[in-house]
PDB file of N, CA and C in Angstrom:
ATOM      1  N   MET A   1     -14.115   9.361   1.110  1.00  0.00           N
ATOM      2  CA  MET A   1     -14.222   8.175   0.943  1.00  0.00           C
ATOM      3  C   MET A   1     -13.851   7.536  -0.110  1.00  0.00           C
ATOM      4  N   LYS A   2     -13.303   8.323  -1.485  1.00  0.00           N
ATOM      5  CA  LYS A   2     -13.036   7.807  -2.529  1.00  0.00           C
ATOM      6  C   LYS A   2     -11.517   7.224  -2.140  1.00  0.00           C
ATOM      7  N   ALA A   3     -10.762   7.816  -1.280  1.00  0.00           N
ATOM      8  CA  ALA A   3      -9.270   7.421  -0.417  1.00  0.00           C
ATOM      9  C   ALA A   3      -9.474   6.037  -0.060  1.00  0.00           C
ATOM     10  N   ASN A   4     -10.577   5.553   0.847  1.00  0.00           N
ATOM     11  CA  ASN A   4     -10.579   4.316   1.495  1.00  0.00           C
ATOM     12  C   ASN A   4     -11.039   3.383   0.401  1.00  0.00           C
ATOM     13  N   LYS A   5     -11.891   4.146  -0.723  1.00  0.00           N
ATOM     14  CA  LYS A   5     -11.952   2.445  -1.597  1.00  0.00           C
ATOM     15  C   LYS A   5     -10.797   2.180  -2.644  1.00  0.00           C
ATOM     16  N   LYS A   6     -10.075   3.492  -2.648  1.00  0.00           N
ATOM     17  CA  LYS A   6      -8.731   3.000  -3.695  1.00  0.00           C
ATOM     18  C   LYS A   6      -7.675   2.161  -2.831  1.00  0.00           C
ATOM     19  N   PHE A   7      -7.785   2.453  -1.483  1.00  0.00           N
ATOM     20  CA  PHE A   7      -6.815   1.607  -0.263  1.00  0.00           C
ATOM     21  C   PHE A   7      -7.275  -0.026  -0.471  1.00  0.00           C
ATOM     22  N   ILE A   8      -8.289   0.590   0.050  1.00  0.00           N
ATOM     23  CA  ILE A   8      -8.684  -1.070  -0.266  1.00  0.00           C
ATOM     24  C   ILE A   8      -8.710  -2.143  -1.492  1.00  0.00           C
ATOM     25  N   LEU A   9      -8.937  -1.622  -2.552  1.00  0.00           N
ATOM     26  CA  LEU A   9      -8.740  -1.940  -3.762  1.00  0.00           C
ATOM     27  C   LEU A   9      -7.104  -2.210  -3.879  1.00  0.00           C
ATOM     28  N   PHE A  10      -6.366  -1.362  -3.411  1.00  0.00           N
ATOM     29  CA  PHE A  10      -5.233  -1.722  -3.441  1.00  0.00           C
ATOM     30  C   PHE A  10      -4.416  -2.655  -2.521  1.00  0.00           C
ATOM     31  N   LEU A  11      -4.923  -3.043  -1.474  1.00  0.00           N
ATOM     32  CA  LEU A  11      -4.964  -3.700  -0.242  1.00  0.00           C
ATOM     33  C   LEU A  11      -5.301  -5.418  -1.013  1.00  0.00           C
ATOM     34  N   VAL A  12      -6.549  -5.607  -1.669  1.00  0.00           N
ATOM     35  CA  VAL A  12      -6.832  -6.719  -2.273  1.00  0.00           C
ATOM     36  C   VAL A  12      -6.006  -6.957  -3.391  1.00  0.00           C
ATOM     37  N   THR A  13      -5.750  -6.119  -3.862  1.00  0.00           N
ATOM     38  CA  THR A  13      -4.819  -6.332  -5.257  1.00  0.00           C
ATOM     39  C   THR A  13      -3.202  -7.283  -5.148  1.00  0.00           C
ATOM     40  N   SER A  14      -2.765  -6.190  -4.072  1.00  0.00           N
ATOM     41  CA  SER A  14      -1.606  -6.394  -3.164  1.00  0.00           C
ATOM     42  C   SER A  14      -1.757  -7.637  -2.583  1.00  0.00           C
ATOM     43  N   ILE A  15      -2.232  -8.368  -1.741  1.00  0.00           N
ATOM     44  CA  ILE A  15      -2.308  -9.543  -0.916  1.00  0.00           C
ATOM     45  C   ILE A  15      -2.654 -10.447  -2.008  1.00  0.00           C
ATOM     46  N   ILE A  16      -3.645  -9.957  -3.277  1.00  0.00           N
ATOM     47  CA  ILE A  16      -3.742 -11.544  -4.053  1.00  0.00           C
ATOM     48  C   ILE A  16      -2.811 -11.873  -5.081  1.00  0.00           C
ATOM     49  N   CYS A  17      -1.964 -10.732  -5.614  1.00  0.00           N
ATOM     50  CA  CYS A  17      -0.479 -10.762  -6.317  1.00  0.00           C
ATOM     51  C   CYS A  17       0.342 -11.093  -5.439  1.00  0.00           C
ATOM     52  N   VAL A  18       0.624 -10.955  -4.350  1.00  0.00           N
ATOM     53  CA  VAL A  18       1.788 -11.430  -3.214  1.00  0.00           C
ATOM     54  C   VAL A  18       1.113 -13.044  -2.922  1.00  0.00           C
ATOM     55  N   SER A  19       0.136 -13.623  -2.844  1.00  0.00           N
ATOM     56  CA  SER A  19       0.121 -14.410  -2.400  1.00  0.00           C
ATOM     57  C   SER A  19      -0.081 -15.919  -3.349  1.00  0.00           C
ATOM     58  N   PHE A  20       0.130 -14.809  -4.622  1.00  0.00           N
ATOM     59  CA  PHE A  20      -0.341 -15.906  -5.864  1.00  0.00           C
ATOM     60  C   PHE A  20       1.578 -15.944  -6.383  1.00  0.00           C
ATOM     61  N   LEU A  21       2.139 -14.967  -6.091  1.00  0.00           N
ATOM     62  CA  LEU A  21       3.772 -15.423  -5.893  1.00  0.00           C
ATOM     63  C   LEU A  21       4.207 -16.661  -5.541  1.00  0.00           C
ATOM     64  N   PHE A  22       3.942 -16.068  -3.940  1.00  0.00           N
ATOM     65  CA  PHE A  22       4.444 -17.326  -3.226  1.00  0.00           C
ATOM     66  C   PHE A  22       3.420 -18.816  -3.276  1.00  0.00           C
ATOM     67  N   PHE A  23       2.563 -18.518  -3.843  1.00  0.00           N
ATOM     68  CA  PHE A  23       2.007 -19.991  -4.606  1.00  0.00           C
ATOM     69  C   PHE A  23       3.206 -20.653  -5.557  1.00  0.00           C
ATOM     70  N   LEU A  24       3.273 -19.504  -6.501  1.00  0.00           N
ATOM     71  CA  LEU A  24       3.989 -19.550  -7.714  1.00  0.00           C
ATOM     72  C   LEU A  24       5.914 -20.785  -6.826  1.00  0.00           C
ATOM     73  N   VAL A  25       6.117 -19.822  -5.916  1.00  0.00           N
ATOM     74  CA  VAL A  25       7.607 -20.118  -5.824  1.00  0.00           C
ATOM     75  C   VAL A  25       7.579 -21.681  -4.839  1.00  0.00           C
ATOM     76  N   GLN A  26       6.345 -21.211  -4.359  1.00  0.00           N
ATOM     77  CA  GLN A  26       6.558 -22.564  -3.370  1.00  0.00           C
ATOM     78  C   GLN A  26       6.105 -24.148  -4.203  1.00  0.00           C
ATOM     79  N   GLN A  27       5.261 -24.132  -5.752  1.00  0.00           N
ATOM     80  CA  GLN A  27       5.195 -24.982  -6.000  1.00  0.00           C
ATOM     81  C   GLN A  27       6.079 -25.028  -7.625  1.00  0.00           C
ATOM     82  N   PHE A  28       6.934 -24.074  -7.757  1.00  0.00           N
ATOM     83  CA  PHE A  28       7.519 -24.711  -8.764  1.00  0.00           C
ATOM     84  C   PHE A  28       9.023 -24.507  -8.630  1.00  0.00           C
ATOM     85  N   SER A  29       9.311 -24.536  -6.999  1.00  0.00           N
ATOM     86  CA  SER A  29      10.735 -24.082  -6.662  1.00  0.00           C
ATOM     87  C   SER A  29      11.422 -26.140  -5.973  1.00  0.00           C
ATOM     88  N   ASP A  30      12.398 -26.122  -6.325  1.00  0.00           N
ATOM     89  CA  ASP A  30      13.017 -27.190  -6.157  1.00  0.00           C
ATOM     90  C   ASP A  30      13.144 -27.681  -4.479  1.00  0.00           C
ATOM     91  N   GLU A  31      13.568 -26.448  -3.843  1.00  0.00           N
ATOM     92  CA  GLU A  31      13.163 -25.993  -2.207  1.00  0.00           C
ATOM     93  C   GLU A  31      12.410 -25.457  -1.571  1.00  0.00           C
ATOM     94  N   LYS A  32      11.434 -26.466  -1.071  1.00  0.00           N
ATOM     95  CA  LYS A  32      10.690 -25.446   0.193  1.00  0.00           C
ATOM     96  C   LYS A  32      10.763 -24.220   0.329  1.00  0.00           C
ATOM     97  N   ILE A  33      10.397 -23.317   0.539  1.00  0.00           N
ATOM     98  CA  ILE A  33      10.394 -22.243   1.499  1.00  0.00           C
ATOM     99  C   ILE A  33       9.665 -22.574   2.984  1.00  0.00           C
ATOM    100  N   PRO A  34      10.624 -22.097   3.658  1.00  0.00           N
ATOM    101  CA  PRO A  34       9.880 -22.311   5.266  1.00  0.00           C
ATOM    102  C   PRO A  34       9.043 -21.072   5.475  1.00  0.00           C
ATOM    103  N   LEU A  35       7.400 -21.855   6.311  1.00  0.00           N
ATOM    104  CA  LEU A  35       6.582 -20.873   6.328  1.00  0.00           C
ATOM    105  C   LEU A  35       6.796 -19.679   7.403  1.00  0.00           C
ATOM    106  N   GLY A  36       7.658 -19.397   7.928  1.00  0.00           N
ATOM    107  CA  GLY A  36       7.995 -18.283   8.121  1.00  0.00           C
ATOM    108  C   GLY A  36       8.892 -17.723   8.062  1.00  0.00           C
ATOM    109  N   LEU A  37       9.542 -17.641   6.827  1.00  0.00           N
ATOM    110  CA  LEU A  37       9.921 -17.033   6.238  1.00  0.00           C
ATOM    111  C   LEU A  37       9.302 -15.969   5.042  1.00  0.00           C
ATOM    112  N   LEU A  38       8.108 -16.988   4.790  1.00  0.00           N
ATOM    113  CA  LEU A  38       7.032 -16.497   3.797  1.00  0.00           C
ATOM    114  C   LEU A  38       6.362 -15.558   4.400  1.00  0.00           C
ATOM    115  N   ILE A  39       6.009 -16.103   5.681  1.00  0.00           N
ATOM    116  CA  ILE A  39       5.329 -14.775   6.411  1.00  0.00           C
ATOM    117  C   ILE A  39       5.631 -13.873   6.795  1.00  0.00           C
ATOM    118  N   ILE A  40       7.197 -13.845   7.239  1.00  0.00           N
ATOM    119  CA  ILE A  40       8.184 -12.948   7.250  1.00  0.00           C
ATOM    120  C   ILE A  40       8.465 -11.866   6.107  1.00  0.00           C
ATOM    121  N   LEU A  41       8.734 -12.635   4.655  1.00  0.00           N
ATOM    122  CA  LEU A  41       8.647 -11.619   3.317  1.00  0.00           C
ATOM    123  C   LEU A  41       7.288 -11.083   3.308  1.00  0.00           C
ATOM    124  N   PHE A  42       6.235 -12.135   3.379  1.00  0.00           N
ATOM    125  CA  PHE A  42       4.999 -11.508   2.930  1.00  0.00           C
ATOM    126  C   PHE A  42       4.339  -9.633   4.037  1.00  0.00           C
ATOM    127  N   THR A  43       5.280  -9.723   4.765  1.00  0.00           N
ATOM    128  CA  THR A  43       4.755  -8.460   6.047  1.00  0.00           C
ATOM    129  C   THR A  43       5.631  -7.639   5.797  1.00  0.00           C
ATOM    130  N   LEU A  44       6.832  -7.877   5.057  1.00  0.00           N
ATOM    131  CA  LEU A  44       7.974  -6.356   4.834  1.00  0.00           C
ATOM    132  C   LEU A  44       7.523  -6.170   3.856  1.00  0.00           C
ATOM    133  N   LEU A  45       6.961  -6.996   2.087  1.00  0.00           N
ATOM    134  CA  LEU A  45       6.464  -6.926   1.226  1.00  0.00           C
ATOM    135  C   LEU A  45       5.302  -5.437   1.556  1.00  0.00           C
ATOM    136  N   MET A  46       4.518  -6.186   2.142  1.00  0.00           N
ATOM    137  CA  MET A  46       3.054  -5.550   2.403  1.00  0.00           C
ATOM    138  C   MET A  46       3.080  -4.051   3.090  1.00  0.00           C
ATOM    139  N   ALA A  47       4.132  -3.973   3.854  1.00  0.00           N
ATOM    140  CA  ALA A  47       4.583  -3.044   4.985  1.00  0.00           C
ATOM    141  C   ALA A  47       4.771  -1.712   3.887  1.00  0.00           C
ATOM    142  N   GLN A  48       5.779  -2.425   3.148  1.00  0.00           N
ATOM    143  CA  GLN A  48       6.609  -1.402   2.286  1.00  0.00           C
ATOM    144  C   GLN A  48       5.582  -0.818   1.130  1.00  0.00           C
ATOM    145  N   ALA A  49       4.569  -1.572   0.784  1.00  0.00           N
ATOM    146  CA  ALA A  49       3.971  -0.906  -0.543  1.00  0.00           C
ATOM    147  C   ALA A  49       2.795  -0.433   0.164  1.00  0.00           C
ATOM    148  N   VAL A  50       2.494  -0.426   1.534  1.00  0.00           N
ATOM    149  CA  VAL A  50       1.400   0.449   2.233  1.00  0.00           C
ATOM    150  C   VAL A  50       2.360   1.763   2.488  1.00  0.00           C
ATOM    151  N   TYR A  51       3.546   1.550   2.730  1.00  0.00           N
ATOM    152  CA  TYR A  51       4.534   2.900   3.156  1.00  0.00           C
ATOM    153  C   TYR A  51       4.367   4.003   2.167  1.00  0.00           C
ATOM    154  N   ILE A  52       4.740   3.395   0.717  1.00  0.00           N
ATOM    155  CA  ILE A  52       4.575   3.879  -0.364  1.00  0.00           C
ATOM    156  C   ILE A  52       3.694   4.576  -0.878  1.00  0.00           C
ATOM    157  N   PHE A  53       2.648   3.650  -1.055  1.00  0.00           N
ATOM    158  CA  PHE A  53       1.441   3.919  -1.347  1.00  0.00           C
ATOM    159  C   PHE A  53       0.807   5.183  -0.666  1.00  0.00           C
ATOM    160  N   PHE A  54       0.598   5.282   0.724  1.00  0.00           N
ATOM    161  CA  PHE A  54       0.534   6.304   1.089  1.00  0.00           C
ATOM    162  C   PHE A  54       1.199   7.699   1.652  1.00  0.00           C
ATOM    163  N   ASP A  55       2.737   7.411   1.087  1.00  0.00           N
ATOM    164  CA  ASP A  55       3.649   8.397   0.831  1.00  0.00           C
ATOM    165  C   ASP A  55       2.932   9.438   0.024  1.00  0.00           C
ATOM    166  N   ALA A  56       3.231   8.964  -1.544  1.00  0.00           N
ATOM    167  CA  ALA A  56       2.883   8.895  -2.479  1.00  0.00           C
ATOM    168  C   ALA A  56       1.801   9.740  -2.850  1.00  0.00           C
ATOM    169  N   LYS A  57       0.872   9.447  -2.213  1.00  0.00           N
ATOM    170  CA  LYS A  57      -0.517  10.222  -1.692  1.00  0.00           C
ATOM    171  C   LYS A  57      -0.691  11.131  -1.048  1.00  0.00           C
ATOM    172  N   ASN A  58       0.172  10.953  -0.005  1.00  0.00           N
ATOM    173  CA  ASN A  58       0.641  12.371   0.782  1.00  0.00           C
ATOM    174  C   ASN A  58       1.315  13.326   0.059  1.00  0.00           C
ATOM    175  N   SER A  59       1.950  12.933  -0.796  1.00  0.00           N
ATOM    176  CA  SER A  59       2.870  14.150  -1.400  1.00  0.00           C
ATOM    177  C   SER A  59       2.547  14.876  -2.800  1.00  0.00           C
ATOM    178  N   GLY A  60       1.085  13.888  -2.801  1.00  0.00           N
ATOM    179  CA  GLY A  60       0.530  14.601  -4.140  1.00  0.00           C
ATOM    180  C   GLY A  60       1.026  13.803  -5.488  1.00  0.00           C
ATOM    181  N   GLU A  61       1.681  12.657  -5.618  1.00  0.00           N
ATOM    182  CA  GLU A  61       2.000  12.254  -6.529  1.00  0.00           C
ATOM    183  C   GLU A  61       1.049  11.849  -7.660  1.00  0.00           C
ATOM    184  N   LYS A  62       1.052  11.548  -8.774  1.00  0.00           N
ATOM    185  CA  LYS A  62      -0.967  11.358  -9.453  1.00  0.00           C
ATOM    186  C   LYS A  62      -0.691   9.983  -9.704  1.00  0.00           C
ATOM    187  N   TYR A  63       0.093   9.365  -9.745  1.00  0.00           N
ATOM    188  CA  TYR A  63      -0.143   7.744  -9.802  1.00  0.00           C
ATOM    189  C   TYR A  63       0.178   6.456  -8.483  1.00  0.00           C
ATOM    190  N   TYR A  64      -0.446   7.301  -7.332  1.00  0.00           N
ATOM    191  CA  TYR A  64       0.087   6.137  -5.886  1.00  0.00           C
ATOM    192  C   TYR A  64      -0.240   5.329  -5.713  1.00  0.00           C
ATOM    193  N   PHE A  65      -1.328   4.759  -6.725  1.00  0.00           N
ATOM    194  CA  PHE A  65      -1.962   3.321  -6.328  1.00  0.00           C
ATOM    195  C   PHE A  65      -0.688   2.237  -6.927  1.00  0.00           C
ATOM    196  N   LEU A  66      -0.608   3.047  -8.434  1.00  0.00           N
ATOM    197  CA  LEU A  66       0.976   2.099  -9.113  1.00  0.00           C
ATOM    198  C   LEU A  66       2.437   2.083  -8.227  1.00  0.00           C
ATOM    199  N   TRP A  67       2.554   3.230  -7.362  1.00  0.00           N
ATOM    200  CA  TRP A  67       3.443   3.761  -6.488  1.00  0.00           C
ATOM    201  C   TRP A  67       3.371   2.263  -5.432  1.00  0.00           C
ATOM    202  N   GLY A  68       2.430   2.393  -5.286  1.00  0.00           N
ATOM    203  CA  GLY A  68       1.796   1.244  -3.959  1.00  0.00           C
ATOM    204  C   GLY A  68       2.823  -0.293  -4.535  1.00  0.00           C
ATOM    205  N   LEU A  69       1.846  -0.748  -5.888  1.00  0.00           N
ATOM    206  CA  LEU A  69       1.991  -1.685  -6.655  1.00  0.00           C
ATOM    207  C   LEU A  69       3.497  -2.189  -6.784  1.00  0.00           C
ATOM    208  N   PHE A  70       4.462  -0.844  -6.874  1.00  0.00           N
ATOM    209  CA  PHE A  70       5.470  -1.215  -7.507  1.00  0.00           C
ATOM    210  C   PHE A  70       6.201  -0.890  -6.053  1.00  0.00           C
ATOM    211  N   GLY A  71       5.754  -1.005  -5.088  1.00  0.00           N
ATOM    212  CA  GLY A  71       6.359  -1.509  -3.709  1.00  0.00           C
ATOM    213  C   GLY A  71       6.573  -2.864  -3.596  1.00  0.00           C
ATOM    214  N   LEU A  72       5.377  -3.932  -4.561  1.00  0.00           N
ATOM    215  CA  LEU A  72       5.576  -4.964  -4.110  1.00  0.00           C
ATOM    216  C   LEU A  72       6.398  -6.007  -4.790  1.00  0.00           C
ATOM    217  N   LEU A  73       7.219  -5.434  -5.329  1.00  0.00           N
ATOM    218  CA  LEU A  73       8.159  -6.169  -6.493  1.00  0.00           C
ATOM    219  C   LEU A  73       9.319  -6.937  -5.938  1.00  0.00           C
ATOM    220  N   ASN A  74       9.742  -5.697  -4.945  1.00  0.00           N
ATOM    221  CA  ASN A  74      10.938  -6.164  -3.939  1.00  0.00           C
ATOM    222  C   ASN A  74      11.413  -5.431  -2.897  1.00  0.00           C
ATOM    223  N   PHE A  75      12.417  -5.812  -2.206  1.00  0.00           N
ATOM    224  CA  PHE A  75      12.631  -5.117  -0.898  1.00  0.00           C
ATOM    225  C   PHE A  75      13.873  -5.357  -0.637  1.00  0.00           C
ATOM    226  N   PRO A  76      14.647  -4.346  -0.310  1.00  0.00           N
ATOM    227  CA  PRO A  76      13.996  -2.932  -0.167  1.00  0.00           C
ATOM    228  C   PRO A  76      14.264  -2.345  -1.349  1.00  0.00           C
ATOM    229  N   SER A  77      14.643  -2.531  -2.647  1.00  0.00           N
ATOM    230  CA  SER A  77      15.249  -1.818  -3.704  1.00  0.00           C
ATOM    231  C   SER A  77      14.244  -0.973  -4.076  1.00  0.00           C
ATOM    232  N   SER A  78      12.432  -1.504  -4.102  1.00  0.00           N
ATOM    233  CA  SER A  78      11.868  -0.654  -4.587  1.00  0.00           C
ATOM    234  C   SER A  78      11.616   0.709  -3.938  1.00  0.00           C
ATOM    235  N   LEU A  79      11.723   0.413  -2.383  1.00  0.00           N
ATOM    236  CA  LEU A  79      11.469   1.716  -1.719  1.00  0.00           C
ATOM    237  C   LEU A  79      12.999   2.692  -1.876  1.00  0.00           C
ATOM    238  N   ILE A  80      13.927   2.174  -1.885  1.00  0.00           N
ATOM    239  CA  ILE A  80      15.352   2.927  -2.443  1.00  0.00           C
ATOM    240  C   ILE A  80      15.003   3.767  -4.064  1.00  0.00           C
ATOM    241  N   ILE A  81      14.437   3.277  -4.601  1.00  0.00           N
ATOM    242  CA  ILE A  81      14.081   3.556  -6.062  1.00  0.00           C
ATOM    243  C   ILE A  81      12.743   4.844  -5.851  1.00  0.00           C
ATOM    244  N   TYR A  82      11.909   4.590  -5.305  1.00  0.00           N
ATOM    245  CA  TYR A  82      10.848   5.278  -4.838  1.00  0.00           C
ATOM    246  C   TYR A  82      11.441   6.607  -4.005  1.00  0.00           C
ATOM    247  N   LEU A  83      12.081   6.636  -3.342  1.00  0.00           N
ATOM    248  CA  LEU A  83      12.784   7.546  -2.530  1.00  0.00           C
ATOM    249  C   LEU A  83      13.454   8.751  -3.369  1.00  0.00           C
ATOM    250  N   LEU A  84      14.788   7.713  -4.279  1.00  0.00           N
ATOM    251  CA  LEU A  84      15.115   8.526  -5.135  1.00  0.00           C
ATOM    252  C   LEU A  84      14.588   9.186  -6.403  1.00  0.00           C
ATOM    253  N   ILE A  85      13.419   8.610  -6.778  1.00  0.00           N
ATOM    254  CA  ILE A  85      12.746   9.516  -7.648  1.00  0.00           C
ATOM    255  C   ILE A  85      11.706  10.192  -7.178  1.00  0.00           C
ATOM    256  N   THR A  86      11.356  10.631  -6.199  1.00  0.00           N
ATOM    257  CA  THR A  86      10.199  11.502  -5.904  1.00  0.00           C
ATOM    258  C   THR A  86      10.772  12.619  -4.749  1.00  0.00           C
ATOM    259  N   ARG A  87      12.218  12.018  -3.988  1.00  0.00           N
ATOM    260  CA  ARG A  87      12.728  13.214  -3.012  1.00  0.00           C
ATOM    261  C   ARG A  87      13.674  13.581  -3.987  1.00  0.00           C
ATOM    262  N   VAL A  88      14.601  12.949  -5.022  1.00  0.00           N
ATOM    263  CA  VAL A  88      15.497  13.418  -5.210  1.00  0.00           C
ATOM    264  C   VAL A  88      15.513  13.999  -6.577  1.00  0.00           C
ATOM    265  N   ILE A  89      14.920  13.374  -8.220  1.00  0.00           N
ATOM    266  CA  ILE A  89      14.908  13.656  -9.246  1.00  0.00           C
ATOM    267  C   ILE A  89      14.256  14.541  -9.052  1.00  0.00           C
ATOM    268  N   LEU A  90      12.531  13.950  -8.910  1.00  0.00           N
ATOM    269  CA  LEU A  90      11.509  14.837  -9.068  1.00  0.00           C
ATOM    270  C   LEU A  90      11.626  16.562  -8.554  1.00  0.00           C
ATOM    271  N   LYS A  91      12.397  16.441  -7.273  1.00  0.00           N
ATOM    272  CA  LYS A  91      12.739  17.492  -6.447  1.00  0.00           C
ATOM    273  C   LYS A  91      13.433  18.314  -7.368  1.00  0.00           C
ATOM    274  N   ASP A  92      14.539  18.167  -7.514  1.00  0.00           N
ATOM    275  CA  ASP A  92      15.518  18.766  -8.563  1.00  0.00           C
ATOM    276  C   ASP A  92      14.850  19.291  -9.962  1.00  0.00           C
ATOM    277  N   LYS A  93      13.925  18.561 -10.315  1.00  0.00           N
ATOM    278  CA  LYS A  93      13.333  18.942 -11.428  1.00  0.00           C
ATOM    279  C   LYS A  93      12.725  20.136 -11.246  1.00  0.00           C
ATOM    280  N   ASN A  94      11.477  20.203 -10.222  1.00  0.00           N
ATOM    281  CA  ASN A  94      10.559  21.321 -10.033  1.00  0.00           C
ATOM    282  C   ASN A  94      10.934  22.174  -9.384  1.00  0.00           C
ATOM    283  N   ARG A  95      12.513  22.417  -8.966  1.00  0.00           N
ATOM    284  CA  ARG A  95      13.174  23.366  -8.919  1.00  0.00           C
ATOM    285  C   ARG A  95      13.466  24.878 -10.013  1.00  0.00           C
TER     286      ARG A  95
END
């Protein structure tokens, strides 16, 4: 039950952060971004963040919540950095 509460908190935080960022982009950008593109970007960022959140949790990472929020920064470099750090660097360090 504890993990479900953390995941719900993660989702709410993620949605608020991404929505606020898209709002800022729309308000202060000279060119308006089409709504379809915003929906696609929102979906990609959320899918990436949820994947990183669950993968880090299942891998036993200590700060899986922060890894998930890291996944919201950009696409796909956050995923690439996460995979490099957890699969290559930390794996080699533990050997």
